[in-house]
Amino acid sequence: EFAWMVLEMIGNCSIPIALLMIGAS
């Protein structure tokens, strides 16, 4: 369960950060 929580937190960051980087590019 602790590993799944970490996985979720990291995964939830991916799309917002990627879109911010695409916007910067």
mmCIF file of all heavy atoms, coordinates in Angstrom:
data_MODEL
# 
_entry.id   MODEL 
# 
loop_
_atom_site.group_PDB 
_atom_site.id 
_atom_site.type_symbol 
_atom_site.label_atom_id 
_atom_site.label_alt_id 
_atom_site.label_comp_id 
_atom_site.label_asym_id 
_atom_site.label_entity_id 
_atom_site.label_seq_id 
_atom_site.pdbx_PDB_ins_code 
_atom_site.Cartn_x 
_atom_site.Cartn_y 
_atom_site.Cartn_z 
_atom_site.occupancy 
_atom_site.B_iso_or_equiv 
_atom_site.pdbx_formal_charge 
_atom_site.auth_seq_id 
_atom_site.auth_comp_id 
_atom_site.auth_asym_id 
_atom_site.auth_atom_id 
_atom_site.pdbx_PDB_model_num 
ATOM 1   N N   . GLU A 1 1  ? 0.816  -1.211 0.000   1.00 0.00 ? 1  GLU A N   1 
ATOM 2   C CA  . GLU A 1 1  ? 0.000  0.000  0.000   1.00 0.00 ? 1  GLU A CA  1 
ATOM 3   C C   . GLU A 1 1  ? 0.852  1.266  0.000   1.00 0.00 ? 1  GLU A C   1 
ATOM 4   O O   . GLU A 1 1  ? 0.537  2.231  -0.696  1.00 0.00 ? 1  GLU A O   1 
ATOM 5   C CB  . GLU A 1 1  ? -0.932 -0.006 1.222   1.00 0.00 ? 1  GLU A CB  1 
ATOM 6   C CG  . GLU A 1 1  ? -1.950 1.116  1.222   1.00 0.00 ? 1  GLU A CG  1 
ATOM 7   C CD  . GLU A 1 1  ? -2.897 1.057  0.029   1.00 0.00 ? 1  GLU A CD  1 
ATOM 8   O OE1 . GLU A 1 1  ? -3.146 -0.059 -0.491  1.00 0.00 ? 1  GLU A OE1 1 
ATOM 9   O OE2 . GLU A 1 1  ? -3.393 2.134  -0.379  1.00 0.00 ? 1  GLU A OE2 1 
ATOM 10  N N   . PHE A 1 2  ? 1.947  1.270  0.759   1.00 0.00 ? 2  PHE A N   1 
ATOM 11  C CA  . PHE A 1 2  ? 2.791  2.472  0.798   1.00 0.00 ? 2  PHE A CA  1 
ATOM 12  C C   . PHE A 1 2  ? 3.425  2.730  -0.572  1.00 0.00 ? 2  PHE A C   1 
ATOM 13  O O   . PHE A 1 2  ? 3.560  3.885  -1.011  1.00 0.00 ? 2  PHE A O   1 
ATOM 14  C CB  . PHE A 1 2  ? 3.873  2.339  1.877   1.00 0.00 ? 2  PHE A CB  1 
ATOM 15  C CG  . PHE A 1 2  ? 5.035  1.473  1.509   1.00 0.00 ? 2  PHE A CG  1 
ATOM 16  C CD1 . PHE A 1 2  ? 6.156  1.998  0.890   1.00 0.00 ? 2  PHE A CD1 1 
ATOM 17  C CD2 . PHE A 1 2  ? 4.992  0.100  1.765   1.00 0.00 ? 2  PHE A CD2 1 
ATOM 18  C CE1 . PHE A 1 2  ? 7.228  1.197  0.547   1.00 0.00 ? 2  PHE A CE1 1 
ATOM 19  C CE2 . PHE A 1 2  ? 6.063  -0.714 1.415   1.00 0.00 ? 2  PHE A CE2 1 
ATOM 20  C CZ  . PHE A 1 2  ? 7.183  -0.171 0.803   1.00 0.00 ? 2  PHE A CZ  1 
ATOM 21  N N   . ALA A 1 3  ? 3.818  1.627  -1.265  1.00 0.00 ? 3  ALA A N   1 
ATOM 22  C CA  . ALA A 1 3  ? 4.416  1.771  -2.591  1.00 0.00 ? 3  ALA A CA  1 
ATOM 23  C C   . ALA A 1 3  ? 3.379  2.266  -3.598  1.00 0.00 ? 3  ALA A C   1 
ATOM 24  O O   . ALA A 1 3  ? 3.691  3.073  -4.492  1.00 0.00 ? 3  ALA A O   1 
ATOM 25  C CB  . ALA A 1 3  ? 5.006  0.437  -3.050  1.00 0.00 ? 3  ALA A CB  1 
ATOM 26  N N   . TRP A 1 4  ? 2.135  1.795  -3.463  1.00 0.00 ? 4  TRP A N   1 
ATOM 27  C CA  . TRP A 1 4  ? 1.071  2.250  -4.364  1.00 0.00 ? 4  TRP A CA  1 
ATOM 28  C C   . TRP A 1 4  ? 0.794  3.736  -4.165  1.00 0.00 ? 4  TRP A C   1 
ATOM 29  O O   . TRP A 1 4  ? 0.567  4.472  -5.139  1.00 0.00 ? 4  TRP A O   1 
ATOM 30  C CB  . TRP A 1 4  ? -0.198 1.439  -4.129  1.00 0.00 ? 4  TRP A CB  1 
ATOM 31  C CG  . TRP A 1 4  ? -1.315 1.843  -5.044  1.00 0.00 ? 4  TRP A CG  1 
ATOM 32  C CD1 . TRP A 1 4  ? -2.372 2.639  -4.757  1.00 0.00 ? 4  TRP A CD1 1 
ATOM 33  C CD2 . TRP A 1 4  ? -1.445 1.485  -6.415  1.00 0.00 ? 4  TRP A CD2 1 
ATOM 34  N NE1 . TRP A 1 4  ? -3.172 2.808  -5.862  1.00 0.00 ? 4  TRP A NE1 1 
ATOM 35  C CE2 . TRP A 1 4  ? -2.628 2.105  -6.901  1.00 0.00 ? 4  TRP A CE2 1 
ATOM 36  C CE3 . TRP A 1 4  ? -0.696 0.706  -7.295  1.00 0.00 ? 4  TRP A CE3 1 
ATOM 37  C CZ2 . TRP A 1 4  ? -3.068 1.969  -8.214  1.00 0.00 ? 4  TRP A CZ2 1 
ATOM 38  C CZ3 . TRP A 1 4  ? -1.129 0.563  -8.600  1.00 0.00 ? 4  TRP A CZ3 1 
ATOM 39  C CH2 . TRP A 1 4  ? -2.296 1.192  -9.048  1.00 0.00 ? 4  TRP A CH2 1 
ATOM 40  N N   . MET A 1 5  ? 0.825  4.208  -2.924  1.00 0.00 ? 5  MET A N   1 
ATOM 41  C CA  . MET A 1 5  ? 0.599  5.627  -2.650  1.00 0.00 ? 5  MET A CA  1 
ATOM 42  C C   . MET A 1 5  ? 1.688  6.481  -3.298  1.00 0.00 ? 5  MET A C   1 
ATOM 43  O O   . MET A 1 5  ? 1.405  7.535  -3.880  1.00 0.00 ? 5  MET A O   1 
ATOM 44  C CB  . MET A 1 5  ? 0.546  5.875  -1.142  1.00 0.00 ? 5  MET A CB  1 
ATOM 45  C CG  . MET A 1 5  ? -0.685 5.297  -0.461  1.00 0.00 ? 5  MET A CG  1 
ATOM 46  S SD  . MET A 1 5  ? -0.648 5.538  1.335   1.00 0.00 ? 5  MET A SD  1 
ATOM 47  C CE  . MET A 1 5  ? -0.712 7.330  1.417   1.00 0.00 ? 5  MET A CE  1 
ATOM 48  N N   . VAL A 1 6  ? 2.933  6.027  -3.221  1.00 0.00 ? 6  VAL A N   1 
ATOM 49  C CA  . VAL A 1 6  ? 4.033  6.746  -3.863  1.00 0.00 ? 6  VAL A CA  1 
ATOM 50  C C   . VAL A 1 6  ? 3.853  6.746  -5.373  1.00 0.00 ? 6  VAL A C   1 
ATOM 51  O O   . VAL A 1 6  ? 4.039  7.771  -6.052  1.00 0.00 ? 6  VAL A O   1 
ATOM 52  C CB  . VAL A 1 6  ? 5.387  6.114  -3.472  1.00 0.00 ? 6  VAL A CB  1 
ATOM 53  C CG1 . VAL A 1 6  ? 6.527  6.742  -4.279  1.00 0.00 ? 6  VAL A CG1 1 
ATOM 54  C CG2 . VAL A 1 6  ? 5.640  6.273  -1.990  1.00 0.00 ? 6  VAL A CG2 1 
ATOM 55  N N   . LEU A 1 7  ? 3.483  5.585  -5.913  1.00 0.00 ? 7  LEU A N   1 
ATOM 56  C CA  . LEU A 1 7  ? 3.251  5.459  -7.350  1.00 0.00 ? 7  LEU A CA  1 
ATOM 57  C C   . LEU A 1 7  ? 2.163  6.429  -7.817  1.00 0.00 ? 7  LEU A C   1 
ATOM 58  O O   . LEU A 1 7  ? 2.310  7.105  -8.850  1.00 0.00 ? 7  LEU A O   1 
ATOM 59  C CB  . LEU A 1 7  ? 2.845  4.015  -7.672  1.00 0.00 ? 7  LEU A CB  1 
ATOM 60  C CG  . LEU A 1 7  ? 2.803  3.601  -9.143  1.00 0.00 ? 7  LEU A CG  1 
ATOM 61  C CD1 . LEU A 1 7  ? 4.198  3.525  -9.710  1.00 0.00 ? 7  LEU A CD1 1 
ATOM 62  C CD2 . LEU A 1 7  ? 2.104  2.252  -9.283  1.00 0.00 ? 7  LEU A CD2 1 
ATOM 63  N N   . GLU A 1 8  ? 1.091  6.515  -7.070  1.00 0.00 ? 8  GLU A N   1 
ATOM 64  C CA  . GLU A 1 8  ? 0.004  7.426  -7.415  1.00 0.00 ? 8  GLU A CA  1 
ATOM 65  C C   . GLU A 1 8  ? 0.446  8.881  -7.368  1.00 0.00 ? 8  GLU A C   1 
ATOM 66  O O   . GLU A 1 8  ? 0.130  9.663  -8.279  1.00 0.00 ? 8  GLU A O   1 
ATOM 67  C CB  . GLU A 1 8  ? -1.177 7.226  -6.454  1.00 0.00 ? 8  GLU A CB  1 
ATOM 68  C CG  . GLU A 1 8  ? -2.054 6.040  -6.787  1.00 0.00 ? 8  GLU A CG  1 
ATOM 69  C CD  . GLU A 1 8  ? -3.340 6.076  -5.976  1.00 0.00 ? 8  GLU A CD  1 
ATOM 70  O OE1 . GLU A 1 8  ? -3.272 6.339  -4.766  1.00 0.00 ? 8  GLU A OE1 1 
ATOM 71  O OE2 . GLU A 1 8  ? -4.416 5.852  -6.569  1.00 0.00 ? 8  GLU A OE2 1 
ATOM 72  N N   . MET A 1 9  ? 1.168  9.248  -6.320  1.00 0.00 ? 9  MET A N   1 
ATOM 73  C CA  . MET A 1 9  ? 1.598  10.643 -6.189  1.00 0.00 ? 9  MET A CA  1 
ATOM 74  C C   . MET A 1 9  ? 2.516  11.047 -7.337  1.00 0.00 ? 9  MET A C   1 
ATOM 75  O O   . MET A 1 9  ? 2.381  12.131 -7.908  1.00 0.00 ? 9  MET A O   1 
ATOM 76  C CB  . MET A 1 9  ? 2.292  10.851 -4.844  1.00 0.00 ? 9  MET A CB  1 
ATOM 77  C CG  . MET A 1 9  ? 1.346  10.857 -3.660  1.00 0.00 ? 9  MET A CG  1 
ATOM 78  S SD  . MET A 1 9  ? 2.139  11.364 -2.113  1.00 0.00 ? 9  MET A SD  1 
ATOM 79  C CE  . MET A 1 9  ? 3.118  9.910  -1.753  1.00 0.00 ? 9  MET A CE  1 
ATOM 80  N N   . ILE A 1 10 ? 3.446  10.167 -7.690  1.00 0.00 ? 10 ILE A N   1 
ATOM 81  C CA  . ILE A 1 10 ? 4.364  10.477 -8.793  1.00 0.00 ? 10 ILE A CA  1 
ATOM 82  C C   . ILE A 1 10 ? 3.606  10.504 -10.120 1.00 0.00 ? 10 ILE A C   1 
ATOM 83  O O   . ILE A 1 10 ? 3.787  11.415 -10.941 1.00 0.00 ? 10 ILE A O   1 
ATOM 84  C CB  . ILE A 1 10 ? 5.515  9.456  -8.847  1.00 0.00 ? 10 ILE A CB  1 
ATOM 85  C CG1 . ILE A 1 10 ? 6.368  9.554  -7.580  1.00 0.00 ? 10 ILE A CG1 1 
ATOM 86  C CG2 . ILE A 1 10 ? 6.383  9.688  -10.081 1.00 0.00 ? 10 ILE A CG2 1 
ATOM 87  C CD1 . ILE A 1 10 ? 7.449  8.505  -7.479  1.00 0.00 ? 10 ILE A CD1 1 
ATOM 88  N N   . GLY A 1 11 ? 2.753  9.508  -10.342 1.00 0.00 ? 11 GLY A N   1 
ATOM 89  C CA  . GLY A 1 11 ? 2.003  9.439  -11.591 1.00 0.00 ? 11 GLY A CA  1 
ATOM 90  C C   . GLY A 1 11 ? 1.100  10.633 -11.800 1.00 0.00 ? 11 GLY A C   1 
ATOM 91  O O   . GLY A 1 11 ? 0.950  11.127 -12.924 1.00 0.00 ? 11 GLY A O   1 
ATOM 92  N N   . ASN A 1 12 ? 0.499  11.123 -10.717 1.00 0.00 ? 12 ASN A N   1 
ATOM 93  C CA  . ASN A 1 12 ? -0.403 12.272 -10.834 1.00 0.00 ? 12 ASN A CA  1 
ATOM 94  C C   . ASN A 1 12 ? 0.325  13.548 -11.247 1.00 0.00 ? 12 ASN A C   1 
ATOM 95  O O   . ASN A 1 12 ? -0.307 14.498 -11.718 1.00 0.00 ? 12 ASN A O   1 
ATOM 96  C CB  . ASN A 1 12 ? -1.132 12.511 -9.514  1.00 0.00 ? 12 ASN A CB  1 
ATOM 97  C CG  . ASN A 1 12 ? -2.173 11.439 -9.224  1.00 0.00 ? 12 ASN A CG  1 
ATOM 98  O OD1 . ASN A 1 12 ? -2.653 10.763 -10.130 1.00 0.00 ? 12 ASN A OD1 1 
ATOM 99  N ND2 . ASN A 1 12 ? -2.516 11.265 -7.956  1.00 0.00 ? 12 ASN A ND2 1 
ATOM 100 N N   . CYS A 1 13 ? 1.632  13.589 -11.060 1.00 0.00 ? 13 CYS A N   1 
ATOM 101 C CA  . CYS A 1 13 ? 2.420  14.774 -11.450 1.00 0.00 ? 13 CYS A CA  1 
ATOM 102 C C   . CYS A 1 13 ? 2.727  14.811 -12.939 1.00 0.00 ? 13 CYS A C   1 
ATOM 103 O O   . CYS A 1 13 ? 3.046  15.877 -13.474 1.00 0.00 ? 13 CYS A O   1 
ATOM 104 C CB  . CYS A 1 13 ? 3.749  14.795 -10.686 1.00 0.00 ? 13 CYS A CB  1 
ATOM 105 S SG  . CYS A 1 13 ? 3.610  14.985 -8.907  1.00 0.00 ? 13 CYS A SG  1 
ATOM 106 N N   . SER A 1 14 ? 2.669  13.663 -13.608 1.00 0.00 ? 14 SER A N   1 
ATOM 107 C CA  . SER A 1 14 ? 3.250  13.560 -14.943 1.00 0.00 ? 14 SER A CA  1 
ATOM 108 C C   . SER A 1 14 ? 2.576  14.465 -15.975 1.00 0.00 ? 14 SER A C   1 
ATOM 109 O O   . SER A 1 14 ? 3.249  15.225 -16.683 1.00 0.00 ? 14 SER A O   1 
ATOM 110 C CB  . SER A 1 14 ? 3.213  12.101 -15.420 1.00 0.00 ? 14 SER A CB  1 
ATOM 111 O OG  . SER A 1 14 ? 1.880  11.651 -15.533 1.00 0.00 ? 14 SER A OG  1 
ATOM 112 N N   . ILE A 1 15 ? 1.251  14.409 -16.091 1.00 0.00 ? 15 ILE A N   1 
ATOM 113 C CA  . ILE A 1 15 ? 0.563  15.176 -17.128 1.00 0.00 ? 15 ILE A CA  1 
ATOM 114 C C   . ILE A 1 15 ? 0.686  16.687 -16.889 1.00 0.00 ? 15 ILE A C   1 
ATOM 115 O O   . ILE A 1 15 ? 1.053  17.429 -17.817 1.00 0.00 ? 15 ILE A O   1 
ATOM 116 C CB  . ILE A 1 15 ? -0.917 14.761 -17.228 1.00 0.00 ? 15 ILE A CB  1 
ATOM 117 C CG1 . ILE A 1 15 ? -1.028 13.279 -17.599 1.00 0.00 ? 15 ILE A CG1 1 
ATOM 118 C CG2 . ILE A 1 15 ? -1.641 15.623 -18.250 1.00 0.00 ? 15 ILE A CG2 1 
ATOM 119 C CD1 . ILE A 1 15 ? -0.430 12.905 -18.931 1.00 0.00 ? 15 ILE A CD1 1 
ATOM 120 N N   . PRO A 1 16 ? 0.408  17.201 -15.678 1.00 0.00 ? 16 PRO A N   1 
ATOM 121 C CA  . PRO A 1 16 ? 0.562  18.649 -15.477 1.00 0.00 ? 16 PRO A CA  1 
ATOM 122 C C   . PRO A 1 16 ? 1.970  19.163 -15.770 1.00 0.00 ? 16 PRO A C   1 
ATOM 123 O O   . PRO A 1 16 ? 2.148  20.189 -16.439 1.00 0.00 ? 16 PRO A O   1 
ATOM 124 C CB  . PRO A 1 16 ? 0.195  18.844 -13.999 1.00 0.00 ? 16 PRO A CB  1 
ATOM 125 C CG  . PRO A 1 16 ? -0.681 17.691 -13.671 1.00 0.00 ? 16 PRO A CG  1 
ATOM 126 C CD  . PRO A 1 16 ? -0.148 16.549 -14.466 1.00 0.00 ? 16 PRO A CD  1 
ATOM 127 N N   . ILE A 1 17 ? 2.996  18.454 -15.284 1.00 0.00 ? 17 ILE A N   1 
ATOM 128 C CA  . ILE A 1 17 ? 4.368  18.914 -15.511 1.00 0.00 ? 17 ILE A CA  1 
ATOM 129 C C   . ILE A 1 17 ? 4.717  18.843 -16.993 1.00 0.00 ? 17 ILE A C   1 
ATOM 130 O O   . ILE A 1 17 ? 5.355  19.754 -17.543 1.00 0.00 ? 17 ILE A O   1 
ATOM 131 C CB  . ILE A 1 17 ? 5.350  18.080 -14.669 1.00 0.00 ? 17 ILE A CB  1 
ATOM 132 C CG1 . ILE A 1 17 ? 5.159  18.397 -13.184 1.00 0.00 ? 17 ILE A CG1 1 
ATOM 133 C CG2 . ILE A 1 17 ? 6.798  18.356 -15.082 1.00 0.00 ? 17 ILE A CG2 1 
ATOM 134 C CD1 . ILE A 1 17 ? 6.027  17.589 -12.253 1.00 0.00 ? 17 ILE A CD1 1 
ATOM 135 N N   . ALA A 1 18 ? 4.279  17.773 -17.659 1.00 0.00 ? 18 ALA A N   1 
ATOM 136 C CA  . ALA A 1 18 ? 4.569  17.639 -19.089 1.00 0.00 ? 18 ALA A CA  1 
ATOM 137 C C   . ALA A 1 18 ? 3.905  18.765 -19.882 1.00 0.00 ? 18 ALA A C   1 
ATOM 138 O O   . ALA A 1 18 ? 4.513  19.336 -20.805 1.00 0.00 ? 18 ALA A O   1 
ATOM 139 C CB  . ALA A 1 18 ? 4.090  16.277 -19.596 1.00 0.00 ? 18 ALA A CB  1 
ATOM 140 N N   . LEU A 1 19 ? 2.658  19.106 -19.564 1.00 0.00 ? 19 LEU A N   1 
ATOM 141 C CA  . LEU A 1 19 ? 1.972  20.182 -20.286 1.00 0.00 ? 19 LEU A CA  1 
ATOM 142 C C   . LEU A 1 19 ? 2.636  21.531 -20.033 1.00 0.00 ? 19 LEU A C   1 
ATOM 143 O O   . LEU A 1 19 ? 2.729  22.371 -20.939 1.00 0.00 ? 19 LEU A O   1 
ATOM 144 C CB  . LEU A 1 19 ? 0.500  20.224 -19.887 1.00 0.00 ? 19 LEU A CB  1 
ATOM 145 C CG  . LEU A 1 19 ? -0.371 19.096 -20.442 1.00 0.00 ? 19 LEU A CG  1 
ATOM 146 C CD1 . LEU A 1 19 ? -1.780 19.164 -19.869 1.00 0.00 ? 19 LEU A CD1 1 
ATOM 147 C CD2 . LEU A 1 19 ? -0.428 19.140 -21.967 1.00 0.00 ? 19 LEU A CD2 1 
ATOM 148 N N   . LEU A 1 20 ? 3.098  21.764 -18.817 1.00 0.00 ? 20 LEU A N   1 
ATOM 149 C CA  . LEU A 1 20 ? 3.831  23.000 -18.542 1.00 0.00 ? 20 LEU A CA  1 
ATOM 150 C C   . LEU A 1 20 ? 5.102  23.074 -19.390 1.00 0.00 ? 20 LEU A C   1 
ATOM 151 O O   . LEU A 1 20 ? 5.435  24.135 -19.952 1.00 0.00 ? 20 LEU A O   1 
ATOM 152 C CB  . LEU A 1 20 ? 4.186  23.083 -17.057 1.00 0.00 ? 20 LEU A CB  1 
ATOM 153 C CG  . LEU A 1 20 ? 3.034  23.349 -16.089 1.00 0.00 ? 20 LEU A CG  1 
ATOM 154 C CD1 . LEU A 1 20 ? 3.521  23.198 -14.647 1.00 0.00 ? 20 LEU A CD1 1 
ATOM 155 C CD2 . LEU A 1 20 ? 2.436  24.734 -16.306 1.00 0.00 ? 20 LEU A CD2 1 
ATOM 156 N N   . MET A 1 21 ? 5.810  21.958 -19.510 1.00 0.00 ? 21 MET A N   1 
ATOM 157 C CA  . MET A 1 21 ? 7.038  21.942 -20.309 1.00 0.00 ? 21 MET A CA  1 
ATOM 158 C C   . MET A 1 21 ? 6.744  22.115 -21.793 1.00 0.00 ? 21 MET A C   1 
ATOM 159 O O   . MET A 1 21 ? 7.487  22.794 -22.506 1.00 0.00 ? 21 MET A O   1 
ATOM 160 C CB  . MET A 1 21 ? 7.798  20.637 -20.065 1.00 0.00 ? 21 MET A CB  1 
ATOM 161 C CG  . MET A 1 21 ? 8.416  20.517 -18.679 1.00 0.00 ? 21 MET A CG  1 
ATOM 162 S SD  . MET A 1 21 ? 9.508  21.905 -18.273 1.00 0.00 ? 21 MET A SD  1 
ATOM 163 C CE  . MET A 1 21 ? 10.720 21.766 -19.594 1.00 0.00 ? 21 MET A CE  1 
ATOM 164 N N   . ILE A 1 22 ? 5.655  21.504 -22.272 1.00 0.00 ? 22 ILE A N   1 
ATOM 165 C CA  . ILE A 1 22 ? 5.272  21.673 -23.674 1.00 0.00 ? 22 ILE A CA  1 
ATOM 166 C C   . ILE A 1 22 ? 4.930  23.144 -23.937 1.00 0.00 ? 22 ILE A C   1 
ATOM 167 O O   . ILE A 1 22 ? 5.301  23.707 -24.971 1.00 0.00 ? 22 ILE A O   1 
ATOM 168 C CB  . ILE A 1 22 ? 4.090  20.758 -24.028 1.00 0.00 ? 22 ILE A CB  1 
ATOM 169 C CG1 . ILE A 1 22 ? 4.535  19.290 -24.023 1.00 0.00 ? 22 ILE A CG1 1 
ATOM 170 C CG2 . ILE A 1 22 ? 3.504  21.119 -25.392 1.00 0.00 ? 22 ILE A CG2 1 
ATOM 171 C CD1 . ILE A 1 22 ? 3.392  18.307 -24.164 1.00 0.00 ? 22 ILE A CD1 1 
ATOM 172 N N   . GLY A 1 23 ? 4.206  23.770 -22.995 1.00 0.00 ? 23 GLY A N   1 
ATOM 173 C CA  . GLY A 1 23 ? 3.879  25.181 -23.147 1.00 0.00 ? 23 GLY A CA  1 
ATOM 174 C C   . GLY A 1 23 ? 5.119  26.050 -23.201 1.00 0.00 ? 23 GLY A C   1 
ATOM 175 O O   . GLY A 1 23 ? 5.196  27.001 -23.995 1.00 0.00 ? 23 GLY A O   1 
ATOM 176 N N   . ALA A 1 24 ? 6.107  25.737 -22.362 1.00 0.00 ? 24 ALA A N   1 
ATOM 177 C CA  . ALA A 1 24 ? 7.365  26.488 -22.381 1.00 0.00 ? 24 ALA A CA  1 
ATOM 178 C C   . ALA A 1 24 ? 8.085  26.311 -23.719 1.00 0.00 ? 24 ALA A C   1 
ATOM 179 O O   . ALA A 1 24 ? 8.602  27.278 -24.293 1.00 0.00 ? 24 ALA A O   1 
ATOM 180 C CB  . ALA A 1 24 ? 8.262  26.028 -21.230 1.00 0.00 ? 24 ALA A CB  1 
ATOM 181 N N   . SER A 1 25 ? 8.107  25.078 -24.227 1.00 0.00 ? 25 SER A N   1 
ATOM 182 C CA  . SER A 1 25 ? 8.740  24.816 -25.522 1.00 0.00 ? 25 SER A CA  1 
ATOM 183 C C   . SER A 1 25 ? 8.008  25.523 -26.652 1.00 0.00 ? 25 SER A C   1 
ATOM 184 O O   . SER A 1 25 ? 8.626  26.047 -27.586 1.00 0.00 ? 25 SER A O   1 
ATOM 185 C CB  . SER A 1 25 ? 8.773  23.306 -25.797 1.00 0.00 ? 25 SER A CB  1 
ATOM 186 O OG  . SER A 1 25 ? 9.516  22.632 -24.800 1.00 0.00 ? 25 SER A OG  1 
# 
